Structures are given as C-alpha cells and as structure tokens.
Amino acid sequence: MSIQNADLHCHSVVSDGTLEPEALAARARANGVDLWALTDHDEIGGQHRARAAAHANGMAYLTGTEISITFANTTVHIVGLGFDADDPAIVAGLRATRGGREARAREMADGLAQVGIHGSYEGALKYVGNPELISRTHFARFLVETGVCADTSEVFRNYLVEGKPGFVPHRWATLENSVRWITQAGGLAVIAHPGRYKFTPTEEYALFSEFKSHGGRGVEVVTGSHTPADFEKYAQMALDFDLHASRGSDFHSPDESNVDLGTLPPLPKTLTPVWDALADRIQHP
C-alpha cells in the first residue's frame, strides 16, 4: 500500500480531545487520510476502538500514544507508534506516569499537615473515584468544605502554587524510560513537535542526541504547531541525526485546533517517513 496522507498525531476524549475515537476516524477519512494513529496523552485505552474505527472507514492504522516526560526542566512529549498496545511494560509505564498523581497527592498532604491541615489526602479522595486521577482540584474542594478557605481560588493562592505548603510539582517519565517502553513493545519513538519547546540550541542538541542514544528513531517535522520555517529546520535536523520523519496534525477539537486532520502539507521528499520503518506494524483493513 502506498501511503498518500498519513496523520499520526491526534487526541480523543480518552485524553484531552473532545471527539470519540470513532468520530475522529470518520473525520480523518473524510479529509483523505489513509494511514491514521490515535495518540492520546499517557493513555492507550482507546487503541482497540480506534483501530476498529479506522478499518471500518477503510484506513490503515498504527497504534499510538504521546508520553509526557521531563527533560531540562521542561515537559517534552514523545510519540510512540506501531507498538503492541497490550505489551505489559508500556501498559505499566503509562499507568505509573498517570499514577504519579497518587504519590504526588500524598506529598501534598504531608506538606499541608506540616502547617496544621490534617487528613487532606483522605478528604480529597472523597471527590475522586480513582486515586490515579487525584489532583490539586480535589484538595481545593476539601479545604473549602472544611472551612480552611472560602473558595478554591483562595486555596490555590495560599496553599497549592509554587512556594506554598501544598505544592508538589508533577514528575513525568524520563526520556530513557519513554523510549524504552515504546521500542521494547515493538514500536518507534518520535520527538513530538520540537518547535514548541523553548530550548536553547545546546539544550535542543542534547535532547536529540540523548533521544537517539536511547534508541529513538523519529521526529515530527510537519505538525500542527510548526511554521513553514519549522518544517525546514526539523527536516534538516532529521537528516543531521538520521531520524525518520513523522507527520501529524495534533488535532484535539473542531473548535480548538487550527489544523484539521489530514490537511497538513506532505513531508519533504528528502526525508524517510516513519511509516517506511513501520511497514510490518501497519494494521490494514
């Protein structure tokens, strides 16, 4: 199969998009996409639905996810493509990335206890069914309920922002872990939208070098947040680091996204597309 229009980066309601996987598949097909991937943040719960919907619409499919990592004190995203969505290591790794919220919440409760506010973890849990999803908002509701603060805005100002007793930064996965989870599950790791990170040239070079050293093999060149100048810059970076090139809209919502599924310009012909390296991982209808 010759790939004419690949969109390998978008989000559904399973993470922070507004459309169901089935609606995304139909929208992608309507825009001429013939190879599609759903890449929800730190989550692969929509993969089986997305693959079924892709095939129902006559599209080939690659499994996908977008993993949040911390690099040089910055949140960076690594897209995984073509991996086994049932692989135990990537399932556990993504669960731990999401589940880091629970450990963070316990630290927040410890900080609040040190200033005399006790039982906040248990109190916050009353507002959330799954400890993996506990957040600052749940603590804020507890502190309002118990009369510590008048409203959630006051809670955030006085307790839950940087420098205050209940603030604990989120700790994402490492670059090494994210690439390993993807590659050991048979997939290919891609640096997502590198033009979005405010790195110095030295930091950017370090990101690409370390990514490559851990087994990363791709970079998004044509993506929704890149300018034409970014297309050129990261096409050259792909060549310099011998990386395959990826293309994806990063579509989230018909109301929010500037670029629709499947409507980006093609990859420069000088580059090797990621789908060439994943030919045996593409799931055809």
C-alpha atoms as a PDB file:
ATOM      1  CA  MET A   1       0.000   0.000   0.000  1.00  0.00           C
ATOM      2  CA  SER A   2       1.341   3.425  -0.969  1.00  0.00           C
ATOM      3  CA  ILE A   3       0.696   5.970   1.792  1.00  0.00           C
ATOM      4  CA  GLN A   4      -0.550   9.283   0.401  1.00  0.00           C
ATOM      5  CA  ASN A   5      -1.904  11.032   3.516  1.00  0.00           C
ATOM      6  CA  ALA A   6      -0.766   9.961   6.988  1.00  0.00           C
ATOM      7  CA  ASP A   7      -1.914  11.681  10.186  1.00  0.00           C
ATOM      8  CA  LEU A   8      -0.053  10.180  13.121  1.00  0.00           C
ATOM      9  CA  HIS A   9      -0.855  12.584  15.970  1.00  0.00           C
ATOM     10  CA  CYS A  10      -4.302  13.392  17.381  1.00  0.00           C
ATOM     11  CA  HIS A  11      -6.327  13.106  20.590  1.00  0.00           C
ATOM     12  CA  SER A  12      -9.723  11.749  21.606  1.00  0.00           C
ATOM     13  CA  VAL A  13     -11.896  12.035  24.715  1.00  0.00           C
ATOM     14  CA  VAL A  14      -9.733   9.267  26.201  1.00  0.00           C
ATOM     15  CA  SER A  15      -7.209  12.036  26.999  1.00  0.00           C
ATOM     16  CA  ASP A  16      -7.856  15.715  26.253  1.00  0.00           C
ATOM     17  CA  GLY A  17      -9.644  15.725  22.911  1.00  0.00           C
ATOM     18  CA  THR A  18     -13.367  16.358  22.501  1.00  0.00           C
ATOM     19  CA  LEU A  19     -14.302  13.656  19.959  1.00  0.00           C
ATOM     20  CA  GLU A  20     -14.746   9.908  20.408  1.00  0.00           C
ATOM     21  CA  PRO A  21     -12.224   7.708  18.554  1.00  0.00           C
ATOM     22  CA  GLU A  22     -14.946   6.710  16.076  1.00  0.00           C
ATOM     23  CA  ALA A  23     -15.737  10.344  15.218  1.00  0.00           C
ATOM     24  CA  LEU A  24     -12.041  11.105  14.761  1.00  0.00           C
ATOM     25  CA  ALA A  25     -11.664   8.158  12.387  1.00  0.00           C
ATOM     26  CA  ALA A  26     -14.608   9.309  10.286  1.00  0.00           C
ATOM     27  CA  ARG A  27     -13.259  12.870  10.199  1.00  0.00           C
ATOM     28  CA  ALA A  28      -9.782  11.693   9.199  1.00  0.00           C
ATOM     29  CA  ARG A  29     -11.178   9.559   6.374  1.00  0.00           C
ATOM     30  CA  ALA A  30     -13.394  12.402   5.143  1.00  0.00           C
ATOM     31  CA  ASN A  31     -10.224  14.504   4.821  1.00  0.00           C
ATOM     32  CA  GLY A  32      -8.454  11.856   2.770  1.00  0.00           C
ATOM     33  CA  VAL A  33      -6.295  10.199   5.453  1.00  0.00           C
ATOM     34  CA  ASP A  34      -5.225   6.664   4.505  1.00  0.00           C
ATOM     35  CA  LEU A  35      -2.907   5.927   7.471  1.00  0.00           C
ATOM     36  CA  TRP A  36      -4.015   7.075  10.900  1.00  0.00           C
ATOM     37  CA  ALA A  37      -2.891   6.855  14.544  1.00  0.00           C
ATOM     38  CA  LEU A  38      -4.654   7.943  17.715  1.00  0.00           C
ATOM     39  CA  THR A  39      -2.042   9.258  20.184  1.00  0.00           C
ATOM     40  CA  ASP A  40      -3.789  10.067  23.460  1.00  0.00           C
ATOM     41  CA  HIS A  41      -1.650  11.509  26.276  1.00  0.00           C
ATOM     42  CA  ASP A  42      -0.122   8.822  28.527  1.00  0.00           C
ATOM     43  CA  GLU A  43      -3.035   6.542  27.663  1.00  0.00           C
ATOM     44  CA  ILE A  44      -3.754   3.658  25.301  1.00  0.00           C
ATOM     45  CA  GLY A  45      -7.292   2.893  26.432  1.00  0.00           C
ATOM     46  CA  GLY A  46      -8.758   3.978  23.096  1.00  0.00           C
ATOM     47  CA  GLN A  47      -6.494   1.930  20.835  1.00  0.00           C
ATOM     48  CA  HIS A  48      -8.741  -1.037  20.099  1.00  0.00           C
ATOM     49  CA  ARG A  49     -11.690   1.239  19.329  1.00  0.00           C
ATOM     50  CA  ALA A  50      -9.536   3.448  17.114  1.00  0.00           C
ATOM     51  CA  ARG A  51      -8.185   0.515  15.119  1.00  0.00           C
ATOM     52  CA  ALA A  52     -11.696  -0.905  14.588  1.00  0.00           C
ATOM     53  CA  ALA A  53     -12.966   2.517  13.511  1.00  0.00           C
ATOM     54  CA  ALA A  54     -10.019   3.051  11.155  1.00  0.00           C
ATOM     55  CA  HIS A  55     -10.664  -0.287   9.474  1.00  0.00           C
ATOM     56  CA  ALA A  56     -14.401   0.382   9.259  1.00  0.00           C
ATOM     57  CA  ASN A  57     -13.510   3.575   7.362  1.00  0.00           C
ATOM     58  CA  GLY A  58     -11.040   1.816   5.078  1.00  0.00           C
ATOM     59  CA  MET A  59      -7.910   3.303   6.670  1.00  0.00           C
ATOM     60  CA  ALA A  60      -4.713   1.568   7.691  1.00  0.00           C
ATOM     61  CA  TYR A  61      -3.840   2.010  11.374  1.00  0.00           C
ATOM     62  CA  LEU A  62      -0.794   2.360  13.626  1.00  0.00           C
ATOM     63  CA  THR A  63      -1.100   2.138  17.402  1.00  0.00           C
ATOM     64  CA  GLY A  64      -0.099   5.356  19.114  1.00  0.00           C
ATOM     65  CA  THR A  65       0.374   7.295  22.339  1.00  0.00           C
ATOM     66  CA  GLU A  66       2.017  10.556  23.437  1.00  0.00           C
ATOM     67  CA  ILE A  67       4.135  10.194  26.572  1.00  0.00           C
ATOM     68  CA  SER A  68       4.882  13.153  28.842  1.00  0.00           C
ATOM     69  CA  ILE A  69       8.500  13.334  30.002  1.00  0.00           C
ATOM     70  CA  THR A  70      10.679  15.862  31.798  1.00  0.00           C
ATOM     71  CA  PHE A  71      13.856  16.992  30.036  1.00  0.00           C
ATOM     72  CA  ALA A  72      15.941  20.024  31.071  1.00  0.00           C
ATOM     73  CA  ASN A  73      13.170  21.066  33.479  1.00  0.00           C
ATOM     74  CA  THR A  74      10.711  21.161  30.573  1.00  0.00           C
ATOM     75  CA  THR A  75       7.754  18.921  29.774  1.00  0.00           C
ATOM     76  CA  VAL A  76       8.504  17.248  26.432  1.00  0.00           C
ATOM     77  CA  HIS A  77       6.296  14.809  24.528  1.00  0.00           C
ATOM     78  CA  ILE A  78       7.434  11.568  22.925  1.00  0.00           C
ATOM     79  CA  VAL A  79       5.043   9.912  20.487  1.00  0.00           C
ATOM     80  CA  GLY A  80       5.096   6.127  20.236  1.00  0.00           C
ATOM     81  CA  LEU A  81       3.898   4.472  17.022  1.00  0.00           C
ATOM     82  CA  GLY A  82       3.378   0.869  15.945  1.00  0.00           C
ATOM     83  CA  PHE A  83       3.866  -0.769  19.353  1.00  0.00           C
ATOM     84  CA  ASP A  84       1.897  -3.658  20.843  1.00  0.00           C
ATOM     85  CA  ALA A  85      -0.881  -1.922  22.798  1.00  0.00           C
ATOM     86  CA  ASP A  86      -1.165  -4.966  25.091  1.00  0.00           C
ATOM     87  CA  ASP A  87       2.541  -5.057  25.981  1.00  0.00           C
ATOM     88  CA  PRO A  88       2.770  -5.284  29.801  1.00  0.00           C
ATOM     89  CA  ALA A  89       5.733  -2.888  30.135  1.00  0.00           C
ATOM     90  CA  ILE A  90       4.195   0.013  28.231  1.00  0.00           C
ATOM     91  CA  VAL A  91       0.823  -0.549  29.918  1.00  0.00           C
ATOM     92  CA  ALA A  92       2.524  -0.446  33.337  1.00  0.00           C
ATOM     93  CA  GLY A  93       4.743   2.505  32.398  1.00  0.00           C
ATOM     94  CA  LEU A  94       1.833   4.633  31.275  1.00  0.00           C
ATOM     95  CA  ARG A  95      -0.153   3.642  34.345  1.00  0.00           C
ATOM     96  CA  ALA A  96       2.770   4.725  36.532  1.00  0.00           C
ATOM     97  CA  THR A  97       3.002   8.049  34.688  1.00  0.00           C
ATOM     98  CA  ARG A  98      -0.676   8.669  35.346  1.00  0.00           C
ATOM     99  CA  GLY A  99      -0.396   7.116  38.807  1.00  0.00           C
ATOM    100  CA  GLY A 100       2.375   9.501  39.770  1.00  0.00           C
ATOM    101  CA  ARG A 101      -0.567  11.647  40.785  1.00  0.00           C
ATOM    102  CA  GLU A 102      -1.189   9.445  43.824  1.00  0.00           C
ATOM    103  CA  ALA A 103       2.375   9.724  45.149  1.00  0.00           C
ATOM    104  CA  ARG A 104       2.282  13.445  44.442  1.00  0.00           C
ATOM    105  CA  ALA A 105      -1.021  13.758  46.324  1.00  0.00           C
ATOM    106  CA  ARG A 106       0.417  12.056  49.404  1.00  0.00           C
ATOM    107  CA  GLU A 107       3.337  14.507  49.354  1.00  0.00           C
ATOM    108  CA  MET A 108       0.891  17.398  49.064  1.00  0.00           C
ATOM    109  CA  ALA A 109      -0.988  16.073  52.086  1.00  0.00           C
ATOM    110  CA  ASP A 110       2.280  15.836  54.042  1.00  0.00           C
ATOM    111  CA  GLY A 111       3.039  19.470  53.226  1.00  0.00           C
ATOM    112  CA  LEU A 112      -0.398  20.595  54.342  1.00  0.00           C
ATOM    113  CA  ALA A 113      -0.095  18.562  57.571  1.00  0.00           C
ATOM    114  CA  GLN A 114       3.079  20.464  58.420  1.00  0.00           C
ATOM    115  CA  VAL A 115       1.032  23.670  58.594  1.00  0.00           C
ATOM    116  CA  GLY A 116      -1.716  22.080  60.690  1.00  0.00           C
ATOM    117  CA  ILE A 117      -4.121  20.828  57.993  1.00  0.00           C
ATOM    118  CA  HIS A 118      -4.581  17.123  58.644  1.00  0.00           C
ATOM    119  CA  GLY A 119      -6.483  14.407  56.765  1.00  0.00           C
ATOM    120  CA  SER A 120      -6.361  16.223  53.439  1.00  0.00           C
ATOM    121  CA  TYR A 121      -5.465  13.159  51.367  1.00  0.00           C
ATOM    122  CA  GLU A 122      -8.427  11.183  52.681  1.00  0.00           C
ATOM    123  CA  GLY A 123     -10.589  14.287  52.370  1.00  0.00           C
ATOM    124  CA  ALA A 124      -9.583  14.867  48.771  1.00  0.00           C
ATOM    125  CA  LEU A 125     -10.246  11.222  47.916  1.00  0.00           C
ATOM    126  CA  LYS A 126     -13.925  11.759  48.673  1.00  0.00           C
ATOM    127  CA  TYR A 127     -14.115  13.799  45.481  1.00  0.00           C
ATOM    128  CA  VAL A 128     -12.407  11.307  43.167  1.00  0.00           C
ATOM    129  CA  GLY A 129     -13.197   7.686  42.443  1.00  0.00           C
ATOM    130  CA  ASN A 130      -9.749   6.671  41.200  1.00  0.00           C
ATOM    131  CA  PRO A 131      -6.597   7.646  43.140  1.00  0.00           C
ATOM    132  CA  GLU A 132      -4.684   7.659  39.810  1.00  0.00           C
ATOM    133  CA  LEU A 133      -6.658  10.757  38.859  1.00  0.00           C
ATOM    134  CA  ILE A 134      -6.385  12.730  42.106  1.00  0.00           C
ATOM    135  CA  SER A 135      -5.382  16.348  41.526  1.00  0.00           C
ATOM    136  CA  ARG A 136      -4.988  19.723  43.210  1.00  0.00           C
ATOM    137  CA  THR A 137      -8.625  20.483  42.430  1.00  0.00           C
ATOM    138  CA  HIS A 138      -9.764  17.684  44.758  1.00  0.00           C
ATOM    139  CA  PHE A 139      -7.621  19.070  47.594  1.00  0.00           C
ATOM    140  CA  ALA A 140      -9.060  22.520  46.951  1.00  0.00           C
ATOM    141  CA  ARG A 141     -12.614  21.216  47.281  1.00  0.00           C
ATOM    142  CA  PHE A 142     -11.750  19.561  50.601  1.00  0.00           C
ATOM    143  CA  LEU A 143     -10.192  22.744  52.013  1.00  0.00           C
ATOM    144  CA  VAL A 144     -13.267  24.741  51.055  1.00  0.00           C
ATOM    145  CA  GLU A 145     -15.595  22.101  52.515  1.00  0.00           C
ATOM    146  CA  THR A 146     -13.743  22.156  55.845  1.00  0.00           C
ATOM    147  CA  GLY A 147     -13.734  25.965  56.006  1.00  0.00           C
ATOM    148  CA  VAL A 148      -9.969  26.442  55.675  1.00  0.00           C
ATOM    149  CA  CYS A 149     -10.601  28.682  52.676  1.00  0.00           C
ATOM    150  CA  ALA A 150     -13.650  30.482  51.302  1.00  0.00           C
ATOM    151  CA  ASP A 151     -13.257  29.250  47.740  1.00  0.00           C
ATOM    152  CA  THR A 152     -10.974  27.187  45.518  1.00  0.00           C
ATOM    153  CA  SER A 153      -9.197  30.282  44.202  1.00  0.00           C
ATOM    154  CA  GLU A 154      -8.102  31.116  47.742  1.00  0.00           C
ATOM    155  CA  VAL A 155      -6.878  27.538  48.235  1.00  0.00           C
ATOM    156  CA  PHE A 156      -4.674  27.722  45.152  1.00  0.00           C
ATOM    157  CA  ARG A 157      -3.289  31.141  46.074  1.00  0.00           C
ATOM    158  CA  ASN A 158      -2.437  30.200  49.647  1.00  0.00           C
ATOM    159  CA  TYR A 159      -1.596  26.512  49.527  1.00  0.00           C
ATOM    160  CA  LEU A 160      -1.240  24.854  46.111  1.00  0.00           C
ATOM    161  CA  VAL A 161       1.020  27.036  43.969  1.00  0.00           C
ATOM    162  CA  GLU A 162       4.804  27.078  43.867  1.00  0.00           C
ATOM    163  CA  GLY A 163       6.314  28.227  47.152  1.00  0.00           C
ATOM    164  CA  LYS A 164       3.231  27.303  49.202  1.00  0.00           C
ATOM    165  CA  PRO A 165       2.919  24.374  51.673  1.00  0.00           C
ATOM    166  CA  GLY A 166       0.866  22.002  49.495  1.00  0.00           C
ATOM    167  CA  PHE A 167       2.698  22.483  46.193  1.00  0.00           C
ATOM    168  CA  VAL A 168       4.453  19.457  44.685  1.00  0.00           C
ATOM    169  CA  PRO A 169       5.490  19.521  41.005  1.00  0.00           C
ATOM    170  CA  HIS A 170       4.384  16.656  38.790  1.00  0.00           C
ATOM    171  CA  ARG A 171       7.186  14.242  37.928  1.00  0.00           C
ATOM    172  CA  TRP A 172       6.822  12.770  34.466  1.00  0.00           C
ATOM    173  CA  ALA A 173       8.615   9.787  32.974  1.00  0.00           C
ATOM    174  CA  THR A 174      12.238  10.084  31.862  1.00  0.00           C
ATOM    175  CA  LEU A 175      13.285  10.251  28.217  1.00  0.00           C
ATOM    176  CA  GLU A 176      15.066   6.929  28.588  1.00  0.00           C
ATOM    177  CA  ASN A 177      12.010   5.194  30.060  1.00  0.00           C
ATOM    178  CA  SER A 178       9.604   6.505  27.427  1.00  0.00           C
ATOM    179  CA  VAL A 179      11.785   5.401  24.520  1.00  0.00           C
ATOM    180  CA  ARG A 180      12.400   2.009  26.116  1.00  0.00           C
ATOM    181  CA  TRP A 181       8.689   1.321  26.707  1.00  0.00           C
ATOM    182  CA  ILE A 182       7.920   2.099  23.073  1.00  0.00           C
ATOM    183  CA  THR A 183      10.790   0.229  21.471  1.00  0.00           C
ATOM    184  CA  GLN A 184      10.563  -2.865  23.660  1.00  0.00           C
ATOM    185  CA  ALA A 185       6.879  -3.098  22.682  1.00  0.00           C
ATOM    186  CA  GLY A 186       7.947  -3.208  19.027  1.00  0.00           C
ATOM    187  CA  GLY A 187       7.251   0.442  18.216  1.00  0.00           C
ATOM    188  CA  LEU A 188       9.133   3.517  17.076  1.00  0.00           C
ATOM    189  CA  ALA A 189       9.706   6.583  19.291  1.00  0.00           C
ATOM    190  CA  VAL A 190       9.264  10.080  17.837  1.00  0.00           C
ATOM    191  CA  ILE A 191      10.049  13.526  19.296  1.00  0.00           C
ATOM    192  CA  ALA A 192       6.722  15.374  19.106  1.00  0.00           C
ATOM    193  CA  HIS A 193       6.523  18.983  17.809  1.00  0.00           C
ATOM    194  CA  PRO A 194      10.095  20.010  18.744  1.00  0.00           C
ATOM    195  CA  GLY A 195       9.428  23.571  17.608  1.00  0.00           C
ATOM    196  CA  ARG A 196       7.176  24.102  20.628  1.00  0.00           C
ATOM    197  CA  TYR A 197       9.896  23.706  23.253  1.00  0.00           C
ATOM    198  CA  LYS A 198      11.754  26.839  24.259  1.00  0.00           C
ATOM    199  CA  PHE A 199      15.148  25.169  24.322  1.00  0.00           C
ATOM    200  CA  THR A 200      18.458  26.855  23.656  1.00  0.00           C
ATOM    201  CA  PRO A 201      20.359  25.365  20.692  1.00  0.00           C
ATOM    202  CA  THR A 202      22.553  23.497  23.173  1.00  0.00           C
ATOM    203  CA  GLU A 203      19.560  22.033  25.026  1.00  0.00           C
ATOM    204  CA  GLU A 204      17.865  21.050  21.776  1.00  0.00           C
ATOM    205  CA  TYR A 205      21.008  19.324  20.545  1.00  0.00           C
ATOM    206  CA  ALA A 206      21.199  17.481  23.874  1.00  0.00           C
ATOM    207  CA  LEU A 207      17.570  16.343  23.542  1.00  0.00           C
ATOM    208  CA  PHE A 208      18.106  14.947  20.044  1.00  0.00           C
ATOM    209  CA  SER A 209      21.433  13.338  20.989  1.00  0.00           C
ATOM    210  CA  GLU A 210      20.121  11.667  24.133  1.00  0.00           C
ATOM    211  CA  PHE A 211      16.924  10.584  22.365  1.00  0.00           C
ATOM    212  CA  LYS A 212      18.972   8.925  19.626  1.00  0.00           C
ATOM    213  CA  SER A 213      21.296   7.267  22.156  1.00  0.00           C
ATOM    214  CA  HIS A 214      18.318   5.624  23.883  1.00  0.00           C
ATOM    215  CA  GLY A 215      17.023   4.191  20.611  1.00  0.00           C
ATOM    216  CA  GLY A 216      14.680   6.963  19.449  1.00  0.00           C
ATOM    217  CA  ARG A 217      14.235   6.896  15.687  1.00  0.00           C
ATOM    218  CA  GLY A 218      11.864   9.644  14.583  1.00  0.00           C
ATOM    219  CA  VAL A 219      10.944  13.326  14.781  1.00  0.00           C
ATOM    220  CA  GLU A 220       7.753  15.195  13.875  1.00  0.00           C
ATOM    221  CA  VAL A 221       8.654  17.534  11.051  1.00  0.00           C
ATOM    222  CA  VAL A 222       5.224  18.518   9.726  1.00  0.00           C
ATOM    223  CA  THR A 223       2.809  19.060  12.610  1.00  0.00           C
ATOM    224  CA  GLY A 224       0.029  21.446  13.564  1.00  0.00           C
ATOM    225  CA  SER A 225       2.075  23.830  15.717  1.00  0.00           C
ATOM    226  CA  HIS A 226       5.050  24.094  13.326  1.00  0.00           C
ATOM    227  CA  THR A 227       5.565  27.005  10.961  1.00  0.00           C
ATOM    228  CA  PRO A 228       6.951  26.525   7.430  1.00  0.00           C
ATOM    229  CA  ALA A 229      10.313  27.637   8.859  1.00  0.00           C
ATOM    230  CA  ASP A 230       9.996  24.855  11.471  1.00  0.00           C
ATOM    231  CA  PHE A 231       9.278  22.352   8.687  1.00  0.00           C
ATOM    232  CA  GLU A 232      12.595  23.294   7.096  1.00  0.00           C
ATOM    233  CA  LYS A 233      14.546  23.380  10.355  1.00  0.00           C
ATOM    234  CA  TYR A 234      13.396  19.978  11.586  1.00  0.00           C
ATOM    235  CA  ALA A 235      13.698  18.395   8.160  1.00  0.00           C
ATOM    236  CA  GLN A 236      17.375  19.287   8.398  1.00  0.00           C
ATOM    237  CA  MET A 237      17.553  18.004  11.996  1.00  0.00           C
ATOM    238  CA  ALA A 238      16.053  14.715  10.827  1.00  0.00           C
ATOM    239  CA  LEU A 239      18.792  14.411   8.225  1.00  0.00           C
ATOM    240  CA  ASP A 240      21.537  15.501  10.641  1.00  0.00           C
ATOM    241  CA  PHE A 241      20.520  12.917  13.249  1.00  0.00           C
ATOM    242  CA  ASP A 242      19.485  10.225  10.750  1.00  0.00           C
ATOM    243  CA  LEU A 243      15.912  10.150  12.042  1.00  0.00           C
ATOM    244  CA  HIS A 244      12.732   9.139  10.251  1.00  0.00           C
ATOM    245  CA  ALA A 245      10.216  11.939   9.751  1.00  0.00           C
ATOM    246  CA  SER A 246       6.641  11.960  11.039  1.00  0.00           C
ATOM    247  CA  ARG A 247       3.553  13.987  10.144  1.00  0.00           C
ATOM    248  CA  GLY A 248       0.526  14.669  12.327  1.00  0.00           C
ATOM    249  CA  SER A 249      -1.992  17.419  12.940  1.00  0.00           C
ATOM    250  CA  ASP A 250      -2.084  17.163  16.782  1.00  0.00           C
ATOM    251  CA  PHE A 251      -5.844  17.617  16.351  1.00  0.00           C
ATOM    252  CA  HIS A 252      -7.851  17.916  19.580  1.00  0.00           C
ATOM    253  CA  SER A 253     -11.177  19.505  18.715  1.00  0.00           C
ATOM    254  CA  PRO A 254     -13.114  21.056  15.818  1.00  0.00           C
ATOM    255  CA  ASP A 255     -13.487  24.187  17.973  1.00  0.00           C
ATOM    256  CA  GLU A 256      -9.911  24.493  19.275  1.00  0.00           C
ATOM    257  CA  SER A 257      -7.486  23.115  16.706  1.00  0.00           C
ATOM    258  CA  ASN A 258      -6.014  25.336  13.999  1.00  0.00           C
ATOM    259  CA  VAL A 259      -5.192  22.390  11.752  1.00  0.00           C
ATOM    260  CA  ASP A 260      -7.715  19.711  10.830  1.00  0.00           C
ATOM    261  CA  LEU A 261      -6.895  16.029  10.478  1.00  0.00           C
ATOM    262  CA  GLY A 262      -5.129  15.180   7.239  1.00  0.00           C
ATOM    263  CA  THR A 263      -4.773  18.760   5.957  1.00  0.00           C
ATOM    264  CA  LEU A 264      -1.059  19.424   6.517  1.00  0.00           C
ATOM    265  CA  PRO A 265       1.414  19.660   3.630  1.00  0.00           C
ATOM    266  CA  PRO A 266       3.330  16.486   2.781  1.00  0.00           C
ATOM    267  CA  LEU A 267       6.731  15.642   4.216  1.00  0.00           C
ATOM    268  CA  PRO A 268       9.713  16.931   2.249  1.00  0.00           C
ATOM    269  CA  LYS A 269      10.788  14.324  -0.306  1.00  0.00           C
ATOM    270  CA  THR A 270      14.340  14.344   1.069  1.00  0.00           C
ATOM    271  CA  LEU A 271      13.144  12.569   4.233  1.00  0.00           C
ATOM    272  CA  THR A 272      12.349   8.952   5.067  1.00  0.00           C
ATOM    273  CA  PRO A 273       8.833   8.671   6.551  1.00  0.00           C
ATOM    274  CA  VAL A 274       8.320   6.805   9.815  1.00  0.00           C
ATOM    275  CA  TRP A 275       5.768   4.574   8.126  1.00  0.00           C
ATOM    276  CA  ASP A 276       8.507   3.129   5.902  1.00  0.00           C
ATOM    277  CA  ALA A 277      10.235   1.848   9.054  1.00  0.00           C
ATOM    278  CA  LEU A 278       6.921   0.539  10.409  1.00  0.00           C
ATOM    279  CA  ALA A 279       5.641  -1.248   7.306  1.00  0.00           C
ATOM    280  CA  ASP A 280       5.295  -4.547   9.173  1.00  0.00           C
ATOM    281  CA  ARG A 281       3.472  -2.834  12.072  1.00  0.00           C
ATOM    282  CA  ILE A 282       0.791  -1.145   9.968  1.00  0.00           C
ATOM    283  CA  GLN A 283      -2.579  -2.801  10.532  1.00  0.00           C
ATOM    284  CA  HIS A 284      -4.509  -2.901   7.263  1.00  0.00           C
ATOM    285  CA  PRO A 285      -8.292  -3.134   6.994  1.00  0.00           C
END
